[in-house]
Amino acid sequence: MPVLDYWNAKKHIRDADLLLFRRRGLISKAGRSSYSHAAKAAWWGRDLFCLEMLQFVGGRAVTLSSQVTAWPGRWDVFCANPDERWPEFNRQGSTWFMKGLCGHRYGYGGVLAAAMLHMPIVRWFVHADVDDRAFDRRPPFCSHACAMADRIGGQVDPVPHLADRLTEPGDLARSPFYEYRFTLVP
């Protein structure tokens, strides 16, 4: 796993690249990965930001450097659309969509709905929804927002066989639409 210091790594990070936060906990264990949070990278002028939906906060934009300083070695960078395999992908559209979520409430109901699919008895009787067009009034949670940003704003569904509202950080990490590049340290 390559580790890069933030100041050398940031020149390799592009708008709409995926940022996954590594921490063992309920979300990472249920999602069968080491990731508990998802966000997107965005350049504003010469500053690199982390666009995210955060519990107790909602949608926000914070400098990526501040997050790397607070949580060294926990942020992994994944290139969106590696080798430009999806020529229709719109990085600016994906980034614009995530910026538009700043100030919105966090989707606790969505997290609960996604978590219910992991319950032993529930998962025997309920199948994960694959229809992204199904209407959902709940605000998005972190990985839900990232999947929506790439599908709606970016014009590419990163996890085509799973509805955005059920997408977990581990699902994004396993998607061929993203490719792990490096882990950030201050």
N, C-alpha and C. Protein backbone atom coordinates (compact mmCIF):
# COMPACT_ATOMS: atom_id res chain seq x y z
N MET A 1 0.85 -1.17 0.00
CA MET A 1 0.00 0.00 0.00
C MET A 1 0.90 1.24 0.00
N PRO A 2 0.96 1.98 -1.14
CA PRO A 2 1.81 3.17 -1.19
C PRO A 2 1.28 4.28 -0.28
N VAL A 3 2.20 4.88 0.44
CA VAL A 3 1.87 6.01 1.32
C VAL A 3 2.57 7.24 0.77
N LEU A 4 1.81 8.32 0.59
CA LEU A 4 2.38 9.56 0.09
C LEU A 4 2.06 10.69 1.05
N ASP A 5 3.01 11.61 1.22
CA ASP A 5 2.70 12.77 2.03
C ASP A 5 1.78 13.68 1.20
N TYR A 6 0.91 14.38 1.91
CA TYR A 6 -0.14 15.17 1.27
C TYR A 6 0.40 16.13 0.23
N TRP A 7 1.48 16.84 0.52
CA TRP A 7 1.97 17.89 -0.38
C TRP A 7 2.49 17.31 -1.68
N ASN A 8 3.03 16.11 -1.69
CA ASN A 8 3.46 15.47 -2.94
C ASN A 8 2.30 14.74 -3.62
N ALA A 9 1.34 14.29 -2.84
CA ALA A 9 0.23 13.51 -3.39
C ALA A 9 -0.82 14.39 -4.06
N LYS A 10 -1.02 15.60 -3.56
CA LYS A 10 -2.16 16.39 -4.03
C LYS A 10 -2.12 16.70 -5.52
N LYS A 11 -0.93 16.76 -6.11
CA LYS A 11 -0.85 17.03 -7.56
C LYS A 11 -1.39 15.86 -8.38
N HIS A 12 -1.56 14.69 -7.75
CA HIS A 12 -2.08 13.51 -8.44
C HIS A 12 -3.57 13.30 -8.19
N ILE A 13 -4.19 14.16 -7.41
CA ILE A 13 -5.61 14.03 -7.07
C ILE A 13 -6.41 14.96 -7.96
N ARG A 14 -7.47 14.42 -8.55
CA ARG A 14 -8.30 15.19 -9.47
C ARG A 14 -9.70 15.38 -8.90
N ASP A 15 -10.41 16.35 -9.46
CA ASP A 15 -11.82 16.53 -9.10
C ASP A 15 -12.54 15.20 -9.24
N ALA A 16 -13.43 14.92 -8.30
CA ALA A 16 -14.29 13.73 -8.29
C ALA A 16 -13.57 12.44 -7.94
N ASP A 17 -12.28 12.48 -7.62
CA ASP A 17 -11.64 11.26 -7.14
C ASP A 17 -12.28 10.88 -5.81
N LEU A 18 -12.30 9.59 -5.53
CA LEU A 18 -12.95 9.06 -4.33
C LEU A 18 -11.96 9.05 -3.17
N LEU A 19 -12.43 9.48 -2.01
CA LEU A 19 -11.65 9.45 -0.78
C LEU A 19 -12.36 8.51 0.19
N LEU A 20 -11.68 7.46 0.60
CA LEU A 20 -12.27 6.51 1.55
C LEU A 20 -11.49 6.55 2.86
N PHE A 21 -12.25 6.61 3.94
CA PHE A 21 -11.67 6.69 5.29
C PHE A 21 -11.65 5.30 5.89
N ARG A 22 -10.47 4.89 6.35
CA ARG A 22 -10.27 3.56 6.90
C ARG A 22 -10.39 3.59 8.41
N ARG A 23 -11.35 2.82 8.93
CA ARG A 23 -11.51 2.65 10.37
C ARG A 23 -12.38 1.44 10.62
N ARG A 24 -11.95 0.59 11.53
CA ARG A 24 -12.75 -0.59 11.86
C ARG A 24 -13.90 -0.16 12.76
N GLY A 25 -15.07 -0.56 12.39
CA GLY A 25 -16.27 -0.24 13.15
C GLY A 25 -17.45 -0.97 12.54
N LEU A 26 -18.62 -0.64 12.98
CA LEU A 26 -19.82 -1.32 12.55
C LEU A 26 -20.02 -1.21 11.03
N ILE A 27 -19.85 -0.03 10.47
CA ILE A 27 -20.07 0.16 9.03
C ILE A 27 -19.06 -0.64 8.22
N SER A 28 -17.81 -0.59 8.60
CA SER A 28 -16.80 -1.33 7.84
C SER A 28 -16.99 -2.84 7.97
N LYS A 29 -17.35 -3.32 9.13
CA LYS A 29 -17.56 -4.76 9.30
C LYS A 29 -18.78 -5.23 8.54
N ALA A 30 -19.88 -4.48 8.62
CA ALA A 30 -21.09 -4.86 7.90
C ALA A 30 -20.87 -4.80 6.40
N GLY A 31 -20.07 -3.84 5.95
CA GLY A 31 -19.81 -3.67 4.52
C GLY A 31 -18.68 -4.52 4.00
N ARG A 32 -18.13 -5.39 4.82
CA ARG A 32 -17.07 -6.31 4.42
C ARG A 32 -15.87 -5.58 3.81
N SER A 33 -15.44 -4.52 4.49
CA SER A 33 -14.25 -3.79 4.05
C SER A 33 -13.62 -3.11 5.26
N SER A 34 -12.57 -2.38 5.03
CA SER A 34 -11.96 -1.64 6.13
C SER A 34 -12.38 -0.17 6.12
N TYR A 35 -13.36 0.17 5.28
CA TYR A 35 -13.77 1.57 5.13
C TYR A 35 -15.09 1.86 5.84
N SER A 36 -15.11 3.01 6.52
CA SER A 36 -16.32 3.41 7.24
C SER A 36 -16.89 4.73 6.73
N HIS A 37 -16.22 5.39 5.78
CA HIS A 37 -16.68 6.69 5.31
C HIS A 37 -16.18 6.94 3.89
N ALA A 38 -16.99 7.66 3.11
CA ALA A 38 -16.64 8.00 1.73
C ALA A 38 -16.84 9.49 1.49
N ALA A 39 -15.98 10.06 0.65
CA ALA A 39 -16.07 11.48 0.30
C ALA A 39 -15.50 11.64 -1.11
N LYS A 40 -15.57 12.86 -1.63
CA LYS A 40 -15.04 13.16 -2.96
C LYS A 40 -14.05 14.32 -2.85
N ALA A 41 -13.07 14.31 -3.73
CA ALA A 41 -12.08 15.38 -3.81
C ALA A 41 -12.58 16.47 -4.75
N ALA A 42 -12.25 17.73 -4.43
CA ALA A 42 -12.64 18.85 -5.29
C ALA A 42 -11.62 19.97 -5.17
N TRP A 43 -11.20 20.47 -6.30
CA TRP A 43 -10.31 21.62 -6.33
C TRP A 43 -11.15 22.89 -6.40
N TRP A 44 -10.83 23.85 -5.52
CA TRP A 44 -11.41 25.20 -5.56
C TRP A 44 -10.22 26.14 -5.65
N GLY A 45 -9.94 26.61 -6.85
CA GLY A 45 -8.75 27.41 -7.04
C GLY A 45 -7.53 26.55 -6.79
N ARG A 46 -6.68 26.99 -5.88
CA ARG A 46 -5.46 26.23 -5.56
C ARG A 46 -5.64 25.35 -4.33
N ASP A 47 -6.84 25.31 -3.79
CA ASP A 47 -7.10 24.52 -2.57
C ASP A 47 -7.84 23.24 -2.90
N LEU A 48 -7.39 22.15 -2.28
CA LEU A 48 -8.02 20.84 -2.46
C LEU A 48 -8.95 20.58 -1.28
N PHE A 49 -10.21 20.26 -1.58
CA PHE A 49 -11.22 20.06 -0.56
C PHE A 49 -11.71 18.62 -0.53
N CYS A 50 -12.27 18.28 0.62
CA CYS A 50 -12.95 17.01 0.86
C CYS A 50 -14.44 17.36 0.94
N LEU A 51 -15.24 16.85 0.00
CA LEU A 51 -16.69 17.06 0.00
C LEU A 51 -17.32 15.81 0.58
N GLU A 52 -18.11 15.98 1.64
CA GLU A 52 -18.63 14.80 2.33
C GLU A 52 -19.96 15.04 2.99
N MET A 53 -20.63 13.93 3.29
CA MET A 53 -21.83 13.92 4.13
C MET A 53 -21.38 13.26 5.43
N LEU A 54 -21.42 14.03 6.51
CA LEU A 54 -20.88 13.55 7.78
C LEU A 54 -21.98 13.51 8.84
N GLN A 55 -22.04 12.41 9.60
CA GLN A 55 -23.05 12.29 10.65
C GLN A 55 -22.89 13.44 11.65
N PHE A 56 -23.99 13.91 12.17
CA PHE A 56 -24.10 15.02 13.12
C PHE A 56 -23.77 16.37 12.48
N VAL A 57 -23.34 16.39 11.21
CA VAL A 57 -22.96 17.62 10.54
C VAL A 57 -23.76 17.82 9.26
N GLY A 58 -23.84 16.78 8.43
CA GLY A 58 -24.49 16.90 7.12
C GLY A 58 -23.46 17.15 6.04
N GLY A 59 -23.91 17.74 4.93
CA GLY A 59 -23.01 18.00 3.81
C GLY A 59 -22.07 19.15 4.12
N ARG A 60 -20.80 18.94 3.82
CA ARG A 60 -19.83 19.99 4.09
C ARG A 60 -18.64 19.88 3.15
N ALA A 61 -17.87 20.97 3.10
CA ALA A 61 -16.62 21.03 2.36
C ALA A 61 -15.55 21.49 3.33
N VAL A 62 -14.50 20.68 3.49
CA VAL A 62 -13.38 21.04 4.36
C VAL A 62 -12.09 20.77 3.58
N THR A 63 -11.03 21.46 3.94
CA THR A 63 -9.77 21.21 3.24
C THR A 63 -9.34 19.77 3.49
N LEU A 64 -8.85 19.15 2.45
CA LEU A 64 -8.38 17.77 2.60
C LEU A 64 -7.16 17.73 3.51
N SER A 65 -6.34 18.77 3.45
CA SER A 65 -5.14 18.79 4.31
C SER A 65 -5.52 18.73 5.79
N SER A 66 -6.62 19.40 6.17
CA SER A 66 -7.04 19.37 7.58
C SER A 66 -7.46 17.97 8.01
N GLN A 67 -8.08 17.24 7.09
CA GLN A 67 -8.52 15.88 7.41
C GLN A 67 -7.35 14.91 7.49
N VAL A 68 -6.37 15.11 6.61
CA VAL A 68 -5.19 14.25 6.63
C VAL A 68 -4.37 14.51 7.89
N THR A 69 -4.30 15.76 8.31
CA THR A 69 -3.58 16.10 9.54
C THR A 69 -4.27 15.50 10.76
N ALA A 70 -5.60 15.56 10.78
CA ALA A 70 -6.36 15.02 11.92
C ALA A 70 -6.35 13.49 11.93
N TRP A 71 -6.31 12.88 10.77
CA TRP A 71 -6.41 11.42 10.66
C TRP A 71 -5.31 10.88 9.74
N PRO A 72 -4.05 10.98 10.12
CA PRO A 72 -2.96 10.53 9.24
C PRO A 72 -3.01 9.03 8.95
N GLY A 73 -2.78 8.70 7.69
CA GLY A 73 -2.75 7.30 7.29
C GLY A 73 -4.10 6.63 7.21
N ARG A 74 -5.18 7.39 7.34
CA ARG A 74 -6.53 6.81 7.30
C ARG A 74 -7.28 7.10 6.00
N TRP A 75 -6.83 8.10 5.23
CA TRP A 75 -7.50 8.48 3.99
C TRP A 75 -6.82 7.82 2.80
N ASP A 76 -7.58 7.00 2.07
CA ASP A 76 -7.10 6.37 0.85
C ASP A 76 -7.71 7.10 -0.34
N VAL A 77 -6.89 7.34 -1.35
CA VAL A 77 -7.33 8.02 -2.57
C VAL A 77 -7.53 6.99 -3.67
N PHE A 78 -8.71 7.03 -4.30
CA PHE A 78 -9.05 6.17 -5.41
C PHE A 78 -9.31 7.05 -6.63
N CYS A 79 -8.65 6.75 -7.71
CA CYS A 79 -8.88 7.47 -8.96
C CYS A 79 -10.26 7.08 -9.49
N ALA A 80 -11.08 8.07 -9.80
CA ALA A 80 -12.35 7.81 -10.47
C ALA A 80 -12.07 7.66 -11.96
N ASN A 81 -12.69 6.67 -12.58
CA ASN A 81 -12.55 6.43 -14.01
C ASN A 81 -11.09 6.20 -14.42
N PRO A 82 -10.44 5.17 -13.84
CA PRO A 82 -9.04 4.91 -14.18
C PRO A 82 -8.88 4.61 -15.67
N ASP A 83 -7.81 5.12 -16.22
CA ASP A 83 -7.48 4.94 -17.63
C ASP A 83 -8.59 5.43 -18.56
N GLU A 84 -9.46 6.31 -18.04
CA GLU A 84 -10.55 6.91 -18.85
C GLU A 84 -11.37 5.83 -19.57
N ARG A 85 -11.66 4.73 -18.87
CA ARG A 85 -12.43 3.63 -19.47
C ARG A 85 -13.89 4.01 -19.73
N TRP A 86 -14.39 5.01 -19.03
CA TRP A 86 -15.75 5.49 -19.22
C TRP A 86 -15.65 6.89 -19.83
N PRO A 87 -15.60 7.01 -21.14
CA PRO A 87 -15.39 8.33 -21.77
C PRO A 87 -16.51 9.32 -21.49
N GLU A 88 -17.68 8.83 -21.13
CA GLU A 88 -18.81 9.72 -20.84
C GLU A 88 -18.74 10.34 -19.45
N PHE A 89 -17.80 9.91 -18.62
CA PHE A 89 -17.73 10.41 -17.25
C PHE A 89 -17.45 11.91 -17.23
N ASN A 90 -18.21 12.63 -16.43
CA ASN A 90 -18.11 14.07 -16.31
C ASN A 90 -17.63 14.43 -14.90
N ARG A 91 -16.34 14.64 -14.75
CA ARG A 91 -15.76 14.96 -13.43
C ARG A 91 -16.37 16.24 -12.86
N GLN A 92 -16.53 17.25 -13.70
CA GLN A 92 -17.07 18.52 -13.22
C GLN A 92 -18.50 18.34 -12.74
N GLY A 93 -19.27 17.53 -13.46
CA GLY A 93 -20.67 17.28 -13.05
C GLY A 93 -20.75 16.56 -11.72
N SER A 94 -19.88 15.58 -11.53
CA SER A 94 -19.85 14.85 -10.27
C SER A 94 -19.48 15.78 -9.11
N THR A 95 -18.47 16.60 -9.34
CA THR A 95 -18.02 17.54 -8.31
C THR A 95 -19.11 18.56 -8.01
N TRP A 96 -19.74 19.08 -9.05
CA TRP A 96 -20.83 20.05 -8.88
C TRP A 96 -21.95 19.45 -8.03
N PHE A 97 -22.29 18.19 -8.29
CA PHE A 97 -23.34 17.53 -7.53
C PHE A 97 -22.98 17.46 -6.05
N MET A 98 -21.75 17.06 -5.73
CA MET A 98 -21.32 16.97 -4.33
C MET A 98 -21.30 18.35 -3.67
N LYS A 99 -20.85 19.37 -4.38
CA LYS A 99 -20.87 20.73 -3.82
C LYS A 99 -22.29 21.14 -3.48
N GLY A 100 -23.23 20.72 -4.31
CA GLY A 100 -24.64 21.06 -4.08
C GLY A 100 -25.22 20.42 -2.82
N LEU A 101 -24.58 19.39 -2.29
CA LEU A 101 -25.06 18.74 -1.06
C LEU A 101 -24.57 19.45 0.21
N CYS A 102 -23.63 20.38 0.06
CA CYS A 102 -23.13 21.11 1.24
C CYS A 102 -24.30 21.84 1.91
N GLY A 103 -24.40 21.68 3.20
CA GLY A 103 -25.48 22.31 3.96
C GLY A 103 -26.72 21.44 4.11
N HIS A 104 -26.79 20.31 3.41
CA HIS A 104 -27.94 19.42 3.52
C HIS A 104 -27.78 18.48 4.72
N ARG A 105 -28.91 17.99 5.21
CA ARG A 105 -28.91 17.08 6.35
C ARG A 105 -28.32 15.72 5.98
N TYR A 106 -27.80 15.03 6.99
CA TYR A 106 -27.25 13.68 6.83
C TYR A 106 -28.38 12.66 6.82
N GLY A 107 -28.25 11.61 6.03
CA GLY A 107 -29.30 10.61 5.86
C GLY A 107 -29.26 9.46 6.83
N TYR A 108 -29.65 9.70 8.07
CA TYR A 108 -29.67 8.62 9.07
C TYR A 108 -30.63 7.51 8.68
N GLY A 109 -31.78 7.86 8.11
CA GLY A 109 -32.75 6.85 7.70
C GLY A 109 -32.19 5.93 6.63
N GLY A 110 -31.41 6.49 5.72
CA GLY A 110 -30.78 5.69 4.68
C GLY A 110 -29.75 4.73 5.23
N VAL A 111 -28.99 5.18 6.21
CA VAL A 111 -28.00 4.30 6.85
C VAL A 111 -28.72 3.14 7.52
N LEU A 112 -29.81 3.45 8.20
CA LEU A 112 -30.58 2.40 8.87
C LEU A 112 -31.15 1.41 7.85
N ALA A 113 -31.68 1.91 6.74
CA ALA A 113 -32.24 1.03 5.71
C ALA A 113 -31.15 0.12 5.12
N ALA A 114 -29.97 0.68 4.85
CA ALA A 114 -28.87 -0.13 4.33
C ALA A 114 -28.41 -1.15 5.36
N ALA A 115 -28.37 -0.75 6.64
CA ALA A 115 -27.93 -1.65 7.70
C ALA A 115 -28.91 -2.81 7.91
N MET A 116 -30.19 -2.54 7.71
CA MET A 116 -31.19 -3.59 7.90
C MET A 116 -30.96 -4.78 6.97
N LEU A 117 -30.38 -4.51 5.80
CA LEU A 117 -30.12 -5.60 4.85
C LEU A 117 -29.06 -6.57 5.35
N HIS A 118 -28.34 -6.20 6.39
CA HIS A 118 -27.31 -7.07 6.96
C HIS A 118 -27.84 -7.91 8.13
N MET A 119 -29.04 -7.63 8.57
CA MET A 119 -29.63 -8.39 9.67
C MET A 119 -29.90 -9.81 9.21
N PRO A 120 -29.52 -10.83 10.00
CA PRO A 120 -29.64 -12.23 9.55
C PRO A 120 -31.01 -12.62 9.02
N ILE A 121 -32.06 -12.34 9.71
CA ILE A 121 -33.38 -12.78 9.26
C ILE A 121 -33.88 -11.90 8.12
N VAL A 122 -33.63 -10.60 8.21
CA VAL A 122 -34.09 -9.67 7.18
C VAL A 122 -33.49 -10.01 5.83
N ARG A 123 -32.20 -10.31 5.79
CA ARG A 123 -31.57 -10.56 4.49
C ARG A 123 -32.04 -11.85 3.82
N TRP A 124 -32.70 -12.73 4.56
CA TRP A 124 -33.28 -13.92 3.94
C TRP A 124 -34.53 -13.57 3.13
N PHE A 125 -35.23 -12.54 3.56
CA PHE A 125 -36.52 -12.22 2.95
C PHE A 125 -36.53 -10.96 2.10
N VAL A 126 -35.54 -10.10 2.27
CA VAL A 126 -35.51 -8.84 1.53
C VAL A 126 -34.25 -8.81 0.68
N HIS A 127 -34.41 -8.48 -0.57
CA HIS A 127 -33.27 -8.39 -1.48
C HIS A 127 -32.90 -6.93 -1.69
N ALA A 128 -31.62 -6.68 -1.88
CA ALA A 128 -31.15 -5.33 -2.11
C ALA A 128 -31.75 -4.78 -3.40
N ASP A 129 -32.19 -3.55 -3.34
CA ASP A 129 -32.79 -2.88 -4.48
C ASP A 129 -31.69 -2.48 -5.47
N VAL A 130 -31.95 -2.67 -6.75
CA VAL A 130 -30.98 -2.29 -7.77
C VAL A 130 -31.46 -1.09 -8.60
N ASP A 131 -32.65 -0.58 -8.31
CA ASP A 131 -33.24 0.49 -9.11
C ASP A 131 -32.87 1.86 -8.54
N ASP A 132 -32.00 2.56 -9.24
CA ASP A 132 -31.61 3.90 -8.81
C ASP A 132 -32.72 4.93 -9.00
N ARG A 133 -33.68 4.61 -9.85
CA ARG A 133 -34.75 5.57 -10.13
C ARG A 133 -35.85 5.58 -9.09
N ALA A 134 -35.88 4.60 -8.21
CA ALA A 134 -36.90 4.55 -7.17
C ALA A 134 -36.79 5.80 -6.30
N PHE A 135 -37.91 6.42 -6.03
CA PHE A 135 -37.91 7.67 -5.29
C PHE A 135 -37.59 7.43 -3.81
N ASP A 136 -36.72 8.25 -3.28
CA ASP A 136 -36.33 8.16 -1.88
C ASP A 136 -36.30 9.58 -1.31
N ARG A 137 -37.11 9.85 -0.32
CA ARG A 137 -37.17 11.19 0.28
C ARG A 137 -36.08 11.45 1.30
N ARG A 138 -35.40 10.42 1.71
CA ARG A 138 -34.37 10.58 2.74
C ARG A 138 -33.15 11.29 2.15
N PRO A 139 -32.53 12.15 2.94
CA PRO A 139 -31.27 12.75 2.47
C PRO A 139 -30.18 11.68 2.42
N PRO A 140 -29.14 11.89 1.61
CA PRO A 140 -28.11 10.86 1.46
C PRO A 140 -27.15 10.79 2.63
N PHE A 141 -26.53 9.64 2.78
CA PHE A 141 -25.39 9.48 3.69
C PHE A 141 -24.15 9.45 2.82
N CYS A 142 -22.98 9.26 3.39
CA CYS A 142 -21.70 9.48 2.70
C CYS A 142 -21.55 8.72 1.38
N SER A 143 -21.59 7.41 1.41
CA SER A 143 -21.37 6.63 0.19
C SER A 143 -22.55 6.74 -0.77
N HIS A 144 -23.74 6.93 -0.24
CA HIS A 144 -24.93 7.18 -1.06
C HIS A 144 -24.70 8.45 -1.87
N ALA A 145 -24.21 9.51 -1.24
CA ALA A 145 -23.96 10.78 -1.92
C ALA A 145 -22.89 10.63 -3.00
N CYS A 146 -21.82 9.89 -2.71
CA CYS A 146 -20.75 9.69 -3.70
C CYS A 146 -21.26 8.93 -4.92
N ALA A 147 -22.06 7.89 -4.68
CA ALA A 147 -22.62 7.12 -5.80
C ALA A 147 -23.57 7.99 -6.62
N MET A 148 -24.40 8.78 -5.95
CA MET A 148 -25.31 9.68 -6.67
C MET A 148 -24.54 10.71 -7.49
N ALA A 149 -23.49 11.26 -6.91
CA ALA A 149 -22.71 12.29 -7.61
C ALA A 149 -22.14 11.74 -8.91
N ASP A 150 -21.61 10.53 -8.88
CA ASP A 150 -21.04 9.96 -10.09
C ASP A 150 -22.11 9.51 -11.08
N ARG A 151 -23.23 9.01 -10.58
CA ARG A 151 -24.28 8.55 -11.49
C ARG A 151 -25.06 9.71 -12.09
N ILE A 152 -25.47 10.66 -11.27
CA ILE A 152 -26.30 11.77 -11.76
C ILE A 152 -25.44 12.88 -12.37
N GLY A 153 -24.48 13.38 -11.60
CA GLY A 153 -23.64 14.46 -12.10
C GLY A 153 -22.58 13.99 -13.08
N GLY A 154 -22.00 12.82 -12.80
CA GLY A 154 -20.91 12.31 -13.62
C GLY A 154 -21.34 11.44 -14.78
N GLN A 155 -22.61 11.03 -14.80
CA GLN A 155 -23.18 10.24 -15.90
C GLN A 155 -22.68 8.79 -15.97
N VAL A 156 -22.10 8.28 -14.87
CA VAL A 156 -21.67 6.87 -14.82
C VAL A 156 -22.09 6.28 -13.48
N ASP A 157 -22.76 5.14 -13.51
CA ASP A 157 -23.16 4.46 -12.28
C ASP A 157 -21.98 3.64 -11.77
N PRO A 158 -21.37 4.02 -10.65
CA PRO A 158 -20.18 3.30 -10.17
C PRO A 158 -20.48 1.91 -9.62
N VAL A 159 -21.69 1.68 -9.17
CA VAL A 159 -22.09 0.36 -8.66
C VAL A 159 -23.42 0.01 -9.34
N PRO A 160 -23.36 -0.46 -10.59
CA PRO A 160 -24.58 -0.61 -11.39
C PRO A 160 -25.59 -1.64 -10.91
N HIS A 161 -25.20 -2.57 -10.09
CA HIS A 161 -26.14 -3.59 -9.65
C HIS A 161 -26.59 -3.39 -8.21
N LEU A 162 -26.57 -2.11 -7.79
CA LEU A 162 -27.01 -1.76 -6.44
C LEU A 162 -27.52 -0.33 -6.46
N ALA A 163 -28.65 -0.09 -5.83
CA ALA A 163 -29.19 1.27 -5.76
C ALA A 163 -28.25 2.17 -4.97
N ASP A 164 -28.12 3.42 -5.39
CA ASP A 164 -27.25 4.38 -4.70
C ASP A 164 -27.54 4.40 -3.21
N ARG A 165 -28.83 4.38 -2.85
CA ARG A 165 -29.23 4.55 -1.45
C ARG A 165 -28.85 3.36 -0.56
N LEU A 166 -28.34 2.29 -1.18
CA LEU A 166 -27.87 1.13 -0.41
C LEU A 166 -26.37 0.92 -0.53
N THR A 167 -25.71 1.82 -1.23
CA THR A 167 -24.27 1.70 -1.48
C THR A 167 -23.48 2.06 -0.23
N GLU A 168 -22.55 1.18 0.12
CA GLU A 168 -21.71 1.37 1.30
C GLU A 168 -20.28 1.68 0.85
N PRO A 169 -19.45 2.24 1.73
CA PRO A 169 -18.06 2.53 1.35
C PRO A 169 -17.33 1.33 0.74
N GLY A 170 -17.54 0.14 1.27
CA GLY A 170 -16.90 -1.05 0.73
C GLY A 170 -17.35 -1.37 -0.69
N ASP A 171 -18.61 -1.08 -1.01
CA ASP A 171 -19.09 -1.29 -2.38
C ASP A 171 -18.33 -0.39 -3.36
N LEU A 172 -18.08 0.84 -2.95
CA LEU A 172 -17.33 1.77 -3.79
C LEU A 172 -15.89 1.29 -3.96
N ALA A 173 -15.29 0.81 -2.89
CA ALA A 173 -13.90 0.33 -2.95
C ALA A 173 -13.76 -0.85 -3.91
N ARG A 174 -14.79 -1.68 -4.01
CA ARG A 174 -14.74 -2.86 -4.88
C ARG A 174 -15.16 -2.56 -6.32
N SER A 175 -15.66 -1.39 -6.59
CA SER A 175 -16.14 -1.04 -7.92
C SER A 175 -14.98 -0.87 -8.90
N PRO A 176 -15.11 -1.40 -10.13
CA PRO A 176 -14.06 -1.20 -11.13
C PRO A 176 -13.97 0.25 -11.60
N PHE A 177 -14.95 1.06 -11.24
CA PHE A 177 -14.94 2.47 -11.63
C PHE A 177 -13.90 3.27 -10.83
N TYR A 178 -13.41 2.71 -9.74
CA TYR A 178 -12.39 3.37 -8.91
C TYR A 178 -11.16 2.47 -8.81
N GLU A 179 -10.01 3.10 -8.71
CA GLU A 179 -8.77 2.35 -8.56
C GLU A 179 -7.94 2.97 -7.44
N TYR A 180 -7.57 2.14 -6.48
CA TYR A 180 -6.75 2.62 -5.36
C TYR A 180 -5.43 3.16 -5.88
N ARG A 181 -5.03 4.33 -5.35
CA ARG A 181 -3.77 4.93 -5.77
C ARG A 181 -2.77 5.01 -4.61
N PHE A 182 -3.20 5.61 -3.47
CA PHE A 182 -2.28 5.77 -2.35
C PHE A 182 -3.02 6.18 -1.10
N THR A 183 -2.31 6.11 0.02
CA THR A 183 -2.81 6.53 1.33
C THR A 183 -2.10 7.83 1.69
N LEU A 184 -2.87 8.76 2.28
CA LEU A 184 -2.33 10.09 2.58
C LEU A 184 -1.83 10.20 4.03
N VAL A 185 -0.68 10.82 4.18
CA VAL A 185 -0.14 11.19 5.49
C VAL A 185 0.27 12.67 5.42
N PRO A 186 0.37 13.36 6.58
CA PRO A 186 0.75 14.78 6.54
C PRO A 186 2.17 14.99 6.01
